[in-house]
Amino acid sequence: MTRYPRNMIGHGPTPPNPQWPGGAKIAVQFVLNYEEGGENSILHGDGASEAFLSDIAGAQPWPGQRHWNMESIYDYGARAGFWRLHRLFTESGIPLTIYGVATALARSPEQVEAMKDAGWEIASHGLKWVEHKDMPEEEERASIAEAIRLHTEVVGARPRGWYTGRCSANTVRLVAEEGGFDYISDTYDDDLPYWIEVDARDQLIIPYTLEANDMRFATAPGWVTGEDFGSYLRAAFDTLYHEGVQGRPAMMSIGLHNRLVGRPGKIAALKKFIDYISTFDDVWTPRRVEIAEHWAHTHPHQRRERPSQMEKPRFIEAFGSIIEHSPWVAERAWGLELGPAHDRPAGLANALARVFRNASAEERLGVLRAHPDLAGKLAAAKRLTAESSAEQQSAGLDALTDDERARFTALNDAYVEKHGFPFIIAVRDHDKAGILAAFERRINNDTETEFDEACRQVERIARLRLEDML
């Protein structure tokens, strides 16, 4: 048995309607990252200077030295960029979510006061703005706890949201295990929130963005002018708004940094974008925590059995009858690389089909012969499996006239005599007349052709049965 942990299906082809407040067609959520004073610096006890997300081209860490230019660029974000963005958003009446690095917030009390006075949400951006990928698990757990402690001390309330950013493979699990966060945003994998299960906790995830993000002013490929950024934001908004009008509302996250878009030549395009979306009446611009509250109320998590998480006996018990009287198919499917995609009908049907297709010709013939005749003696004696009985009833094969029953009986006998296995068709795809017409057409095929067609019908029947179950 192998299990694949990545979830590459998510909400699938028909995502839930978020039912944004006021019937909004889109939720546009602005995040302002407050990292200034929390970045790598020997002043902060780090081994080298910062080298990430600044206007210094090709910056590299300076081991054991202060990087005066780097520090002054970060300082600009706190000294000037923040206040420019503060004026823009308070005058626009749009509340922000702050991703606040705890040590940076502790070094910026006046900015924290301004955030609180504006009614902005201050979520946690970790203890320090440093890389976590190589951090031992216990050290990261302790860092999370200290970030919460310091944040609560500085802000006056514990954070309800979390985003590390430079995270490890353990971050989301460790933050969820802490148990006190309404949402975590260390993913970039969807346009809507979703739930994950971490042991007994149901944890809401609100994905973030690295593309509708001004960080690309400091990365390659990236934005060169403010208009590059503004044009991208408008294109993303227009696409998502159009999808919302068509009945698929979603969420647009926008990531900002004081030291980047807070510069005069960059912020003008952001202001144009804000002015643009303000011309729409059906746009919701919440704080991130309000999205979390809305989603938890509108789409609360419901736990259910998941095929990819079942023990082998339970898996065979649940799905052993999907391929008629052939539990060995389910037994082998359990041993495949299953994951979240196989917790849905199409995924599990594919796993069963892979086993069936890879079986020997004798094994597949056994599956075909395990199927009952259509409207045959087993049906009359009410000895069909529950699945077959329901399927035949759905096509009206339990209510045949004497002439129809005689015709089916004759066809069944002739088909088995010629091909050596019963006629198999996914009856739920047809009405009674269509089934009879297919029977009369297919009986004339050669056995090899019919064997292949019957196997395809077995797979189709399994797919429909799983649709009912899952």
Protein backbone atom coordinates (compact mmCIF):
# COMPACT_ATOMS: atom_id res chain seq x y z
CA MET A 1 0.00 0.00 0.00
CA THR A 2 1.20 3.49 -0.86
CA ARG A 3 -0.68 6.70 -0.23
CA TYR A 4 -0.11 9.97 -2.09
CA PRO A 5 -0.60 12.95 0.25
CA ARG A 6 -0.94 15.77 -2.27
CA ASN A 7 -4.51 16.81 -3.09
CA MET A 8 -4.70 17.53 -6.82
CA ILE A 9 -8.50 17.42 -7.16
CA GLY A 10 -9.65 19.84 -4.46
CA HIS A 11 -13.19 21.06 -5.05
CA GLY A 12 -13.21 19.36 -8.46
CA PRO A 13 -15.02 20.52 -11.60
CA THR A 14 -18.02 21.89 -9.69
CA PRO A 15 -16.70 23.97 -6.77
CA PRO A 16 -19.18 25.09 -4.12
CA ASN A 17 -20.79 28.47 -4.46
CA PRO A 18 -19.26 30.49 -1.62
CA GLN A 19 -22.43 32.59 -1.33
CA TRP A 20 -20.44 35.71 -0.57
CA PRO A 21 -22.34 38.33 1.45
CA GLY A 22 -24.67 40.55 -0.56
CA GLY A 23 -24.49 38.19 -3.52
CA ALA A 24 -20.99 39.43 -4.39
CA LYS A 25 -19.52 37.98 -7.57
CA ILE A 26 -15.99 38.05 -6.19
CA ALA A 27 -14.17 38.52 -2.88
CA VAL A 28 -11.07 40.69 -3.29
CA GLN A 29 -8.83 40.37 -0.25
CA PHE A 30 -5.79 42.61 0.28
CA VAL A 31 -2.90 41.42 2.46
CA LEU A 32 -0.15 43.75 3.63
CA ASN A 33 2.94 41.88 4.81
CA TYR A 34 4.65 43.62 7.71
CA GLU A 35 8.19 42.17 7.81
CA GLU A 36 10.36 45.21 8.43
CA GLY A 37 12.39 44.59 11.58
CA GLY A 38 11.82 40.85 11.46
CA GLU A 39 14.15 40.04 8.57
CA ASN A 40 17.55 38.34 8.78
CA SER A 41 20.08 40.59 10.48
CA ILE A 42 22.96 40.07 12.86
CA LEU A 43 21.17 42.66 15.03
CA HIS A 44 18.39 40.06 15.37
CA GLY A 45 20.73 37.23 16.26
CA ASP A 46 20.99 35.81 12.75
CA GLY A 47 24.22 34.68 11.13
CA ALA A 48 23.92 36.92 8.08
CA SER A 49 22.03 39.82 6.53
CA GLU A 50 18.78 39.51 4.57
CA ALA A 51 18.89 38.84 0.83
CA PHE A 52 15.21 38.36 -0.05
CA LEU A 53 12.61 40.72 -1.55
CA SER A 54 14.38 44.01 -1.92
CA ASP A 55 15.30 46.37 -4.76
CA ILE A 56 18.95 45.30 -4.53
CA ALA A 57 19.59 43.27 -7.68
CA GLY A 58 21.28 39.94 -7.01
CA ALA A 59 21.48 40.50 -3.27
CA GLN A 60 23.38 37.88 -1.28
CA PRO A 61 23.57 37.31 2.49
CA TRP A 62 26.54 38.93 4.19
CA PRO A 63 27.68 36.45 6.85
CA GLY A 64 28.53 38.13 10.13
CA GLN A 65 27.94 41.66 8.78
CA ARG A 66 25.16 44.21 8.73
CA HIS A 67 24.07 45.05 5.19
CA TRP A 68 23.43 48.75 5.55
CA ASN A 69 21.70 49.18 2.19
CA MET A 70 19.43 46.18 2.79
CA GLU A 71 18.48 47.42 6.23
CA SER A 72 17.68 50.89 4.92
CA ILE A 73 15.42 49.47 2.19
CA TYR A 74 13.48 47.51 4.80
CA ASP A 75 13.41 50.62 6.98
CA TYR A 76 11.83 52.55 4.11
CA GLY A 77 8.92 50.14 4.23
CA ALA A 78 8.26 50.90 7.89
CA ARG A 79 9.07 54.62 7.78
CA ALA A 80 7.35 55.69 4.54
CA GLY A 81 5.79 52.84 2.59
CA PHE A 82 3.51 51.74 5.39
CA TRP A 83 2.04 55.17 5.92
CA ARG A 84 1.48 55.67 2.20
CA LEU A 85 -0.44 52.40 2.06
CA HIS A 86 -2.24 53.24 5.29
CA ARG A 87 -3.55 56.46 3.76
CA LEU A 88 -4.57 54.71 0.54
CA PHE A 89 -6.61 51.99 2.19
CA THR A 90 -8.18 54.04 4.98
CA GLU A 91 -9.27 56.66 2.45
CA SER A 92 -10.65 53.90 0.21
CA GLY A 93 -12.53 52.31 3.08
CA ILE A 94 -11.02 48.90 2.36
CA PRO A 95 -9.83 46.96 5.42
CA LEU A 96 -6.58 45.02 5.24
CA THR A 97 -5.29 41.83 6.70
CA ILE A 98 -1.79 42.33 8.02
CA TYR A 99 0.58 39.39 7.92
CA GLY A 100 2.65 40.59 10.84
CA VAL A 101 6.01 39.09 11.77
CA ALA A 102 5.89 39.13 15.56
CA THR A 103 9.37 40.58 16.07
CA ALA A 104 8.68 43.21 13.39
CA LEU A 105 5.43 44.24 15.10
CA ALA A 106 7.26 44.50 18.41
CA ARG A 107 9.67 46.99 16.82
CA SER A 108 6.86 49.09 15.27
CA PRO A 109 4.39 50.04 18.02
CA GLU A 110 3.09 53.16 16.26
CA GLN A 111 2.31 51.23 13.10
CA VAL A 112 0.55 48.54 15.16
CA GLU A 113 -1.57 51.23 16.80
CA ALA A 114 -2.50 52.57 13.36
CA MET A 115 -3.46 49.08 12.17
CA LYS A 116 -5.71 48.59 15.16
CA ASP A 117 -7.28 52.04 14.88
CA ALA A 118 -8.11 51.29 11.23
CA GLY A 119 -9.87 48.06 12.22
CA TRP A 120 -7.44 45.91 10.26
CA GLU A 121 -6.91 42.26 11.06
CA ILE A 122 -3.42 41.46 12.31
CA ALA A 123 -2.64 37.84 11.48
CA SER A 124 0.62 36.12 12.33
CA HIS A 125 3.48 35.95 9.85
CA GLY A 126 5.61 33.91 12.22
CA LEU A 127 8.20 34.90 14.77
CA LYS A 128 10.89 36.05 12.31
CA TRP A 129 10.98 36.59 8.55
CA VAL A 130 13.45 33.76 7.97
CA GLU A 131 13.61 30.46 6.08
CA HIS A 132 12.01 27.47 7.80
CA LYS A 133 12.67 24.62 5.32
CA ASP A 134 15.61 23.20 7.28
CA MET A 135 14.28 24.00 10.74
CA PRO A 136 13.86 20.92 12.96
CA GLU A 137 10.24 20.17 13.78
CA GLU A 138 10.53 20.84 17.51
CA GLU A 139 12.31 24.12 16.85
CA GLU A 140 9.57 25.23 14.46
CA ARG A 141 6.88 24.22 16.94
CA ALA A 142 8.60 26.32 19.60
CA SER A 143 8.91 29.23 17.14
CA ILE A 144 5.18 29.09 16.43
CA ALA A 145 4.40 29.16 20.14
CA GLU A 146 6.73 32.11 20.73
CA ALA A 147 5.26 33.97 17.75
CA ILE A 148 1.79 33.64 19.25
CA ARG A 149 3.01 34.72 22.68
CA LEU A 150 4.86 37.78 21.42
CA HIS A 151 2.10 38.75 18.98
CA THR A 152 -0.50 38.59 21.75
CA GLU A 153 1.72 40.68 24.03
CA VAL A 154 2.36 43.36 21.39
CA VAL A 155 -1.08 43.52 19.75
CA GLY A 156 -3.26 42.80 22.75
CA ALA A 157 -5.02 39.81 21.17
CA ARG A 158 -3.80 36.50 19.80
CA PRO A 159 -3.76 36.12 16.01
CA ARG A 160 -6.64 34.23 14.39
CA GLY A 161 -4.86 33.69 11.06
CA TRP A 162 -1.43 32.34 10.19
CA TYR A 163 0.97 32.60 7.24
CA THR A 164 4.64 31.68 7.53
CA GLY A 165 5.54 32.23 3.89
CA ARG A 166 9.05 30.80 3.95
CA CYS A 167 7.62 27.61 5.39
CA SER A 168 8.65 23.97 5.78
CA ALA A 169 6.79 20.81 4.84
CA ASN A 170 5.70 20.64 8.49
CA THR A 171 4.35 24.16 8.89
CA VAL A 172 0.67 23.68 8.07
CA ARG A 173 0.41 20.56 10.24
CA LEU A 174 2.21 22.17 13.18
CA VAL A 175 0.07 25.31 13.06
CA ALA A 176 -3.10 23.23 12.79
CA GLU A 177 -1.98 21.11 15.74
CA GLU A 178 -1.59 24.30 17.81
CA GLY A 179 -5.36 24.42 17.54
CA GLY A 180 -6.14 28.11 17.87
CA PHE A 181 -6.29 29.44 14.31
CA ASP A 182 -9.43 30.17 12.33
CA TYR A 183 -7.41 29.77 9.14
CA ILE A 184 -3.96 29.00 7.75
CA SER A 185 -2.77 30.48 4.45
CA ASP A 186 0.46 28.61 3.68
CA THR A 187 -0.90 27.21 0.41
CA TYR A 188 -1.40 28.60 -3.08
CA ASP A 189 -3.54 25.82 -4.53
CA ASP A 190 -7.07 27.16 -4.99
CA ASP A 191 -9.33 30.15 -5.58
CA LEU A 192 -11.58 29.16 -2.67
CA PRO A 193 -11.06 28.13 0.95
CA TYR A 194 -11.16 24.46 1.88
CA TRP A 195 -10.89 22.21 4.93
CA ILE A 196 -8.20 19.74 5.94
CA GLU A 197 -8.26 17.21 8.74
CA VAL A 198 -5.29 17.14 11.09
CA ASP A 199 -5.94 14.41 13.63
CA ALA A 200 -9.15 15.46 15.41
CA ARG A 201 -9.01 19.08 14.19
CA ASP A 202 -10.88 20.41 11.16
CA GLN A 203 -8.65 23.21 9.90
CA LEU A 204 -9.74 25.84 7.39
CA ILE A 205 -7.23 26.76 4.70
CA ILE A 206 -7.52 30.08 2.87
CA PRO A 207 -5.01 29.93 0.01
CA TYR A 208 -2.73 32.89 -0.61
CA THR A 209 -0.95 34.10 -3.76
CA LEU A 210 2.57 34.60 -5.05
CA GLU A 211 1.46 35.85 -8.47
CA ALA A 212 -1.02 38.65 -7.71
CA ASN A 213 1.73 39.85 -5.42
CA ASP A 214 4.03 42.86 -5.51
CA MET A 215 6.93 40.59 -4.49
CA ARG A 216 7.46 40.16 -8.22
CA PHE A 217 8.94 43.66 -8.29
CA ALA A 218 11.90 41.97 -6.59
CA THR A 219 12.01 38.65 -8.45
CA ALA A 220 12.59 37.49 -12.02
CA PRO A 221 10.42 37.23 -13.99
CA GLY A 222 8.59 40.08 -12.39
CA TRP A 223 7.06 43.50 -12.63
CA VAL A 224 9.14 46.35 -14.01
CA THR A 225 6.66 49.19 -13.62
CA GLY A 226 3.64 49.74 -11.45
CA GLU A 227 1.52 49.42 -14.57
CA ASP A 228 2.76 45.85 -15.06
CA PHE A 229 1.39 44.99 -11.63
CA GLY A 230 -1.80 46.96 -12.10
CA SER A 231 -2.49 45.42 -15.50
CA TYR A 232 -2.11 41.93 -14.08
CA LEU A 233 -4.41 42.67 -11.15
CA ARG A 234 -7.08 44.02 -13.46
CA ALA A 235 -6.85 41.02 -15.80
CA ALA A 236 -7.15 38.60 -12.87
CA PHE A 237 -10.08 40.54 -11.44
CA ASP A 238 -11.91 40.66 -14.78
CA THR A 239 -11.54 36.92 -15.27
CA LEU A 240 -12.72 36.03 -11.78
CA TYR A 241 -15.54 38.57 -11.87
CA HIS A 242 -16.77 37.13 -15.17
CA GLU A 243 -16.69 33.63 -13.68
CA GLY A 244 -18.68 34.97 -10.72
CA VAL A 245 -21.31 36.40 -13.03
CA GLN A 246 -21.55 32.94 -14.62
CA GLY A 247 -22.30 31.42 -11.22
CA ARG A 248 -18.82 30.48 -9.97
CA PRO A 249 -17.78 33.20 -7.50
CA ALA A 250 -14.25 32.92 -6.18
CA MET A 251 -11.66 34.76 -4.12
CA MET A 252 -8.82 36.97 -5.30
CA SER A 253 -5.94 37.42 -2.88
CA ILE A 254 -3.53 40.33 -3.42
CA GLY A 255 -0.19 40.40 -1.63
CA LEU A 256 1.51 43.71 -0.79
CA HIS A 257 4.72 44.80 0.94
CA ASN A 258 5.48 48.21 2.44
CA ARG A 259 8.98 48.44 0.95
CA LEU A 260 7.83 47.42 -2.55
CA VAL A 261 4.45 48.78 -3.64
CA GLY A 262 4.80 51.46 -0.98
CA ARG A 263 7.18 53.29 -3.34
CA PRO A 264 5.65 56.26 -5.21
CA GLY A 265 6.23 54.88 -8.68
CA LYS A 266 4.50 51.60 -7.86
CA ILE A 267 1.58 52.57 -5.68
CA ALA A 268 -0.13 54.67 -8.35
CA ALA A 269 -1.14 51.55 -10.28
CA LEU A 270 -2.50 49.96 -7.11
CA LYS A 271 -4.64 53.05 -6.54
CA LYS A 272 -5.98 52.80 -10.10
CA PHE A 273 -6.93 49.19 -9.47
CA ILE A 274 -8.75 50.09 -6.26
CA ASP A 275 -10.58 52.86 -8.09
CA TYR A 276 -11.51 50.37 -10.83
CA ILE A 277 -13.02 47.71 -8.58
CA SER A 278 -14.89 50.40 -6.63
CA THR A 279 -17.03 50.96 -9.73
CA PHE A 280 -18.62 47.52 -9.21
CA ASP A 281 -21.47 47.13 -6.73
CA ASP A 282 -21.09 43.38 -6.24
CA VAL A 283 -17.49 43.14 -5.01
CA TRP A 284 -16.74 42.16 -1.43
CA THR A 285 -13.44 43.42 0.05
CA PRO A 286 -13.19 41.71 3.45
CA ARG A 287 -10.45 41.00 5.89
CA ARG A 288 -9.21 37.46 5.71
CA VAL A 289 -10.75 36.51 9.04
CA GLU A 290 -14.17 37.53 7.70
CA ILE A 291 -13.74 35.06 4.84
CA ALA A 292 -12.92 32.41 7.45
CA GLU A 293 -16.01 33.24 9.50
CA HIS A 294 -18.23 33.23 6.43
CA TRP A 295 -16.88 29.94 5.10
CA ALA A 296 -17.13 28.19 8.46
CA HIS A 297 -20.77 29.27 8.73
CA THR A 298 -21.77 28.64 5.10
CA HIS A 299 -19.66 25.55 4.35
CA PRO A 300 -18.91 23.83 7.67
CA HIS A 301 -16.71 20.78 7.40
CA GLN A 302 -18.34 17.36 7.44
CA ARG A 303 -16.15 14.35 8.08
CA ARG A 304 -16.78 11.19 6.10
CA GLU A 305 -15.10 7.92 5.36
CA ARG A 306 -12.47 8.36 2.69
CA PRO A 307 -11.47 5.39 0.52
CA SER A 308 -7.80 6.34 0.51
CA GLN A 309 -7.75 6.27 4.32
CA MET A 310 -9.60 2.97 4.83
CA GLU A 311 -7.97 -0.14 6.21
CA LYS A 312 -7.93 -3.06 3.79
CA PRO A 313 -10.86 -5.07 5.26
CA ARG A 314 -13.10 -1.99 5.32
CA PHE A 315 -12.12 -1.03 1.78
CA ILE A 316 -13.02 -4.48 0.46
CA GLU A 317 -16.26 -4.49 2.44
CA ALA A 318 -17.25 -1.09 1.02
CA PHE A 319 -16.21 -1.59 -2.60
CA GLY A 320 -15.94 -5.34 -3.12
CA SER A 321 -19.30 -5.49 -4.90
CA ILE A 322 -18.72 -2.55 -7.23
CA ILE A 323 -17.31 -4.99 -9.80
CA GLU A 324 -19.99 -7.69 -9.74
CA HIS A 325 -19.14 -10.57 -7.34
CA SER A 326 -15.41 -9.81 -7.72
CA PRO A 327 -13.98 -8.48 -4.44
CA TRP A 328 -10.47 -9.32 -5.64
CA VAL A 329 -10.60 -6.18 -7.79
CA ALA A 330 -11.11 -3.99 -4.72
CA GLU A 331 -8.46 -5.93 -2.81
CA ARG A 332 -5.85 -5.19 -5.46
CA ALA A 333 -6.99 -1.59 -5.90
CA TRP A 334 -6.37 -0.97 -2.18
CA GLY A 335 -2.69 -1.66 -2.84
CA LEU A 336 -2.34 1.03 -5.50
CA GLU A 337 -1.03 4.55 -4.86
CA LEU A 338 -4.27 6.11 -3.63
CA GLY A 339 -4.78 9.68 -2.47
CA PRO A 340 -7.44 12.38 -2.15
CA ALA A 341 -8.26 12.15 -5.87
CA HIS A 342 -9.43 8.56 -5.25
CA ASP A 343 -11.91 9.65 -2.60
CA ARG A 344 -14.21 10.81 -5.38
CA PRO A 345 -16.19 8.64 -7.83
CA ALA A 346 -14.02 9.21 -10.90
CA GLY A 347 -10.79 8.55 -9.02
CA LEU A 348 -11.87 5.36 -7.30
CA ALA A 349 -13.51 4.10 -10.50
CA ASN A 350 -10.20 4.63 -12.26
CA ALA A 351 -8.34 2.65 -9.59
CA LEU A 352 -10.75 -0.29 -9.92
CA ALA A 353 -10.58 -0.07 -13.72
CA ARG A 354 -6.78 -0.17 -13.66
CA VAL A 355 -6.88 -3.43 -11.73
CA PHE A 356 -9.55 -4.86 -14.01
CA ARG A 357 -7.70 -3.86 -17.18
CA ASN A 358 -4.46 -5.36 -15.86
CA ALA A 359 -6.10 -8.67 -14.93
CA SER A 360 -5.69 -11.77 -17.03
CA ALA A 361 -8.20 -12.60 -19.74
CA GLU A 362 -9.44 -15.50 -17.59
CA GLU A 363 -10.00 -13.22 -14.62
CA ARG A 364 -11.89 -10.67 -16.69
CA LEU A 365 -13.97 -13.44 -18.22
CA GLY A 366 -14.84 -14.52 -14.70
CA VAL A 367 -16.08 -11.00 -13.97
CA LEU A 368 -18.25 -11.02 -17.08
CA ARG A 369 -19.72 -14.42 -16.18
CA ALA A 370 -20.49 -13.16 -12.67
CA HIS A 371 -22.99 -10.70 -14.12
CA PRO A 372 -26.64 -11.76 -14.23
CA ASP A 373 -28.74 -12.00 -17.38
CA LEU A 374 -30.86 -8.93 -18.05
CA ALA A 375 -34.41 -9.62 -16.84
CA GLY A 376 -33.41 -13.27 -16.41
CA LYS A 377 -34.21 -15.98 -13.91
CA LEU A 378 -32.22 -14.41 -11.07
CA ALA A 379 -34.20 -11.21 -11.42
CA ALA A 380 -37.47 -13.12 -11.42
CA ALA A 381 -36.38 -14.97 -8.30
CA LYS A 382 -35.23 -11.70 -6.68
CA ARG A 383 -31.71 -13.06 -6.25
CA LEU A 384 -29.79 -10.17 -7.82
CA THR A 385 -27.31 -8.11 -5.86
CA ALA A 386 -28.80 -4.91 -4.48
CA GLU A 387 -26.89 -2.90 -7.07
CA SER A 388 -28.03 -5.00 -10.05
CA SER A 389 -31.61 -5.07 -8.82
CA ALA A 390 -31.76 -1.29 -8.50
CA GLU A 391 -30.16 -0.82 -11.91
CA GLN A 392 -32.55 -3.15 -13.70
CA GLN A 393 -35.50 -1.56 -11.96
CA SER A 394 -34.32 1.90 -13.06
CA ALA A 395 -34.68 0.83 -16.70
CA GLY A 396 -38.04 -0.84 -16.17
CA LEU A 397 -36.66 -4.35 -16.62
CA ASP A 398 -38.62 -5.51 -13.58
CA ALA A 399 -41.91 -4.68 -15.30
CA LEU A 400 -41.78 -6.38 -18.70
CA THR A 401 -44.71 -7.52 -20.75
CA ASP A 402 -44.89 -11.23 -21.57
CA ASP A 403 -43.67 -10.50 -25.09
CA GLU A 404 -40.76 -8.37 -23.85
CA ARG A 405 -39.74 -11.02 -21.32
CA ALA A 406 -39.83 -13.70 -23.99
CA ARG A 407 -37.68 -11.56 -26.29
CA PHE A 408 -35.09 -10.87 -23.56
CA THR A 409 -34.97 -14.55 -22.66
CA ALA A 410 -34.37 -15.56 -26.26
CA LEU A 411 -31.67 -12.94 -26.69
CA ASN A 412 -29.98 -13.91 -23.42
CA ASP A 413 -29.84 -17.56 -24.42
CA ALA A 414 -28.55 -16.81 -27.92
CA TYR A 415 -25.93 -14.31 -26.66
CA VAL A 416 -24.51 -16.67 -24.02
CA GLU A 417 -24.52 -19.54 -26.49
CA LYS A 418 -22.51 -17.46 -28.98
CA HIS A 419 -20.12 -15.56 -26.71
CA GLY A 420 -19.88 -17.58 -23.50
CA PHE A 421 -20.82 -14.77 -21.11
CA PRO A 422 -23.97 -12.69 -20.42
CA PHE A 423 -24.89 -9.53 -22.28
CA ILE A 424 -23.61 -6.60 -20.16
CA ILE A 425 -24.71 -3.01 -20.53
CA ALA A 426 -24.88 -0.04 -18.16
CA VAL A 427 -28.66 -0.01 -18.07
CA ARG A 428 -28.81 3.37 -16.34
CA ASP A 429 -27.50 4.97 -19.53
CA HIS A 430 -30.52 3.68 -21.51
CA ASP A 431 -34.24 3.13 -21.44
CA LYS A 432 -35.84 -0.25 -22.05
CA ALA A 433 -36.15 0.28 -25.80
CA GLY A 434 -32.52 1.42 -26.06
CA ILE A 435 -31.29 -1.62 -24.15
CA LEU A 436 -33.24 -3.97 -26.40
CA ALA A 437 -31.92 -2.23 -29.52
CA ALA A 438 -28.31 -2.49 -28.26
CA PHE A 439 -28.87 -6.16 -27.42
CA GLU A 440 -30.11 -6.96 -30.93
CA ARG A 441 -27.25 -5.01 -32.53
CA ARG A 442 -24.41 -6.36 -30.41
CA ILE A 443 -25.40 -10.01 -30.56
CA ASN A 444 -24.12 -10.04 -34.12
CA ASN A 445 -20.60 -8.89 -33.15
CA ASP A 446 -17.70 -11.31 -33.01
CA THR A 447 -16.77 -12.52 -29.55
CA GLU A 448 -13.52 -10.55 -29.31
CA THR A 449 -15.36 -7.31 -30.06
CA GLU A 450 -18.08 -8.19 -27.56
CA PHE A 451 -15.56 -9.14 -24.89
CA ASP A 452 -13.93 -5.68 -25.17
CA GLU A 453 -17.31 -3.95 -25.17
CA ALA A 454 -18.54 -5.95 -22.19
CA CYS A 455 -15.40 -4.98 -20.24
CA ARG A 456 -16.00 -1.32 -21.03
CA GLN A 457 -19.56 -1.69 -19.77
CA VAL A 458 -18.31 -3.26 -16.53
CA GLU A 459 -16.17 -0.15 -15.97
CA ARG A 460 -19.09 2.12 -16.77
CA ILE A 461 -21.36 0.27 -14.33
CA ALA A 462 -18.71 0.63 -11.63
CA ARG A 463 -18.43 4.35 -12.28
CA LEU A 464 -22.19 4.82 -11.91
CA ARG A 465 -22.32 2.75 -8.75
CA LEU A 466 -19.56 4.80 -7.17
CA GLU A 467 -21.39 7.99 -8.09
CA ASP A 468 -24.23 6.76 -5.89
CA MET A 469 -21.93 5.76 -3.03
CA LEU A 470 -19.55 8.72 -2.91
